[in-house]
């Protein structure tokens, strides 16, 4: 199932990733906040998790501040914003668009 997501800078200059998921008859909004200093680390983690889809020996789990980026058993790249949260789920073909959105939000955050 493909979920819509948005990425934007907040008032503190951090990058916010938000994803709305449909759960049962309702919905839930999940998110992660990444400080400007952690943006390169997040982009690196997303790229490596996506690459791990094709390489089962590759490291596929990364910590970025309070967030966790990992490759699920189903082959999707997931982000958990805070420990205990449900994961945001991104199909591998959507990760490049997510990375581009994170880069753009980081630029806007420093503008």
Protein backbone atom coordinates (compact mmCIF):
# COMPACT_ATOMS: atom_id res chain seq x y z
CA UNK A 1 0.00 0.00 0.00
CA UNK A 2 1.39 3.38 -1.01
CA UNK A 3 1.04 6.16 1.56
CA UNK A 4 1.26 9.88 0.88
CA UNK A 5 4.10 11.74 2.56
CA UNK A 6 5.29 15.30 2.92
CA UNK A 7 8.61 16.80 3.92
CA UNK A 8 9.06 20.38 5.11
CA UNK A 9 11.27 22.54 7.35
CA UNK A 10 9.88 23.57 10.72
CA UNK A 11 10.39 26.87 12.55
CA UNK A 12 13.53 25.51 14.24
CA UNK A 13 15.20 24.72 10.91
CA UNK A 14 14.75 20.96 11.30
CA UNK A 15 13.40 18.74 8.52
CA UNK A 16 10.04 17.11 9.25
CA UNK A 17 8.86 13.97 7.44
CA UNK A 18 5.16 13.17 7.80
CA UNK A 19 3.21 10.23 6.41
CA UNK A 20 -0.52 9.57 6.64
CA UNK A 21 -1.48 5.92 6.83
CA UNK A 22 -4.91 4.34 6.69
CA UNK A 23 -5.47 1.98 9.59
CA UNK A 24 -8.78 0.14 9.65
CA UNK A 25 -11.48 2.73 9.03
CA UNK A 26 -9.42 5.59 10.43
CA UNK A 27 -6.07 7.09 9.77
CA UNK A 28 -2.88 7.85 11.61
CA UNK A 29 -0.20 10.45 10.93
CA UNK A 30 3.37 9.37 11.60
CA UNK A 31 6.40 11.61 11.59
CA UNK A 32 10.06 12.17 12.23
CA UNK A 33 12.01 15.36 12.93
CA UNK A 34 15.64 15.51 11.82
CA UNK A 35 17.97 18.33 12.83
CA UNK A 36 19.83 20.15 10.03
CA UNK A 37 23.09 18.53 11.16
CA UNK A 38 21.53 15.06 10.84
CA UNK A 39 20.15 15.55 7.30
CA UNK A 40 23.28 14.15 5.55
CA UNK A 41 23.18 11.17 7.91
CA UNK A 42 19.49 10.60 7.11
CA UNK A 43 20.11 10.79 3.35
CA UNK A 44 23.01 8.34 3.71
CA UNK A 45 20.88 5.94 5.77
CA UNK A 46 18.00 6.08 3.27
CA UNK A 47 20.37 5.45 0.35
CA UNK A 48 22.04 2.51 2.11
CA UNK A 49 18.74 0.96 3.19
CA UNK A 50 17.48 1.20 -0.39
CA UNK A 51 20.72 -0.38 -1.68
CA UNK A 52 20.26 -3.22 0.82
CA UNK A 53 17.16 -4.30 -1.14
CA UNK A 54 19.53 -5.78 -3.75
CA UNK A 55 22.27 -6.89 -1.33
CA UNK A 56 21.14 -9.14 1.51
CA UNK A 57 24.59 -8.89 3.14
CA UNK A 58 24.48 -5.08 3.41
CA UNK A 59 23.80 -3.28 6.68
CA UNK A 60 20.16 -2.29 6.59
CA UNK A 61 19.47 -0.67 9.96
CA UNK A 62 20.61 2.83 10.95
CA UNK A 63 20.08 5.26 13.84
CA UNK A 64 19.74 8.95 12.99
CA UNK A 65 19.29 10.90 16.19
CA UNK A 66 16.09 9.61 17.80
CA UNK A 67 14.95 8.11 14.49
CA UNK A 68 15.61 4.69 13.04
CA UNK A 69 15.87 3.85 9.33
CA UNK A 70 15.70 0.23 8.26
CA UNK A 71 14.81 -2.19 5.49
CA UNK A 72 11.72 -4.24 6.34
CA UNK A 73 11.40 -7.95 5.64
CA UNK A 74 8.97 -6.99 2.88
CA UNK A 75 11.66 -4.95 1.13
CA UNK A 76 10.41 -1.48 2.03
CA UNK A 77 12.48 1.31 3.57
CA UNK A 78 11.00 2.30 6.93
CA UNK A 79 11.53 5.24 9.28
CA UNK A 80 10.56 5.22 12.95
CA UNK A 81 10.49 8.79 14.25
CA UNK A 82 10.63 8.01 17.96
CA UNK A 83 11.09 4.72 19.80
CA UNK A 84 7.71 3.01 20.12
CA UNK A 85 6.19 4.72 17.07
CA UNK A 86 4.81 2.78 14.15
CA UNK A 87 7.08 2.90 11.07
CA UNK A 88 6.56 5.12 8.06
CA UNK A 89 6.80 2.83 5.02
CA UNK A 90 8.38 3.79 1.69
CA UNK A 91 8.53 1.47 -1.30
CA UNK A 92 12.11 1.32 -2.68
CA UNK A 93 11.15 3.17 -5.89
CA UNK A 94 9.89 6.10 -3.78
CA UNK A 95 13.06 6.53 -1.71
CA UNK A 96 14.77 8.75 -4.30
CA UNK A 97 11.78 11.12 -4.21
CA UNK A 98 11.94 11.10 -0.40
CA UNK A 99 15.67 11.92 -0.46
CA UNK A 100 15.07 14.75 -2.94
CA UNK A 101 12.30 16.14 -0.70
CA UNK A 102 14.56 15.96 2.37
CA UNK A 103 17.33 17.80 0.50
CA UNK A 104 14.88 20.49 -0.65
CA UNK A 105 13.48 20.96 2.85
CA UNK A 106 17.02 21.25 4.25
CA UNK A 107 17.78 23.99 1.72
CA UNK A 108 14.57 25.81 2.62
CA UNK A 109 15.37 25.45 6.32
CA UNK A 110 18.63 27.33 5.91
CA UNK A 111 17.27 29.94 3.48
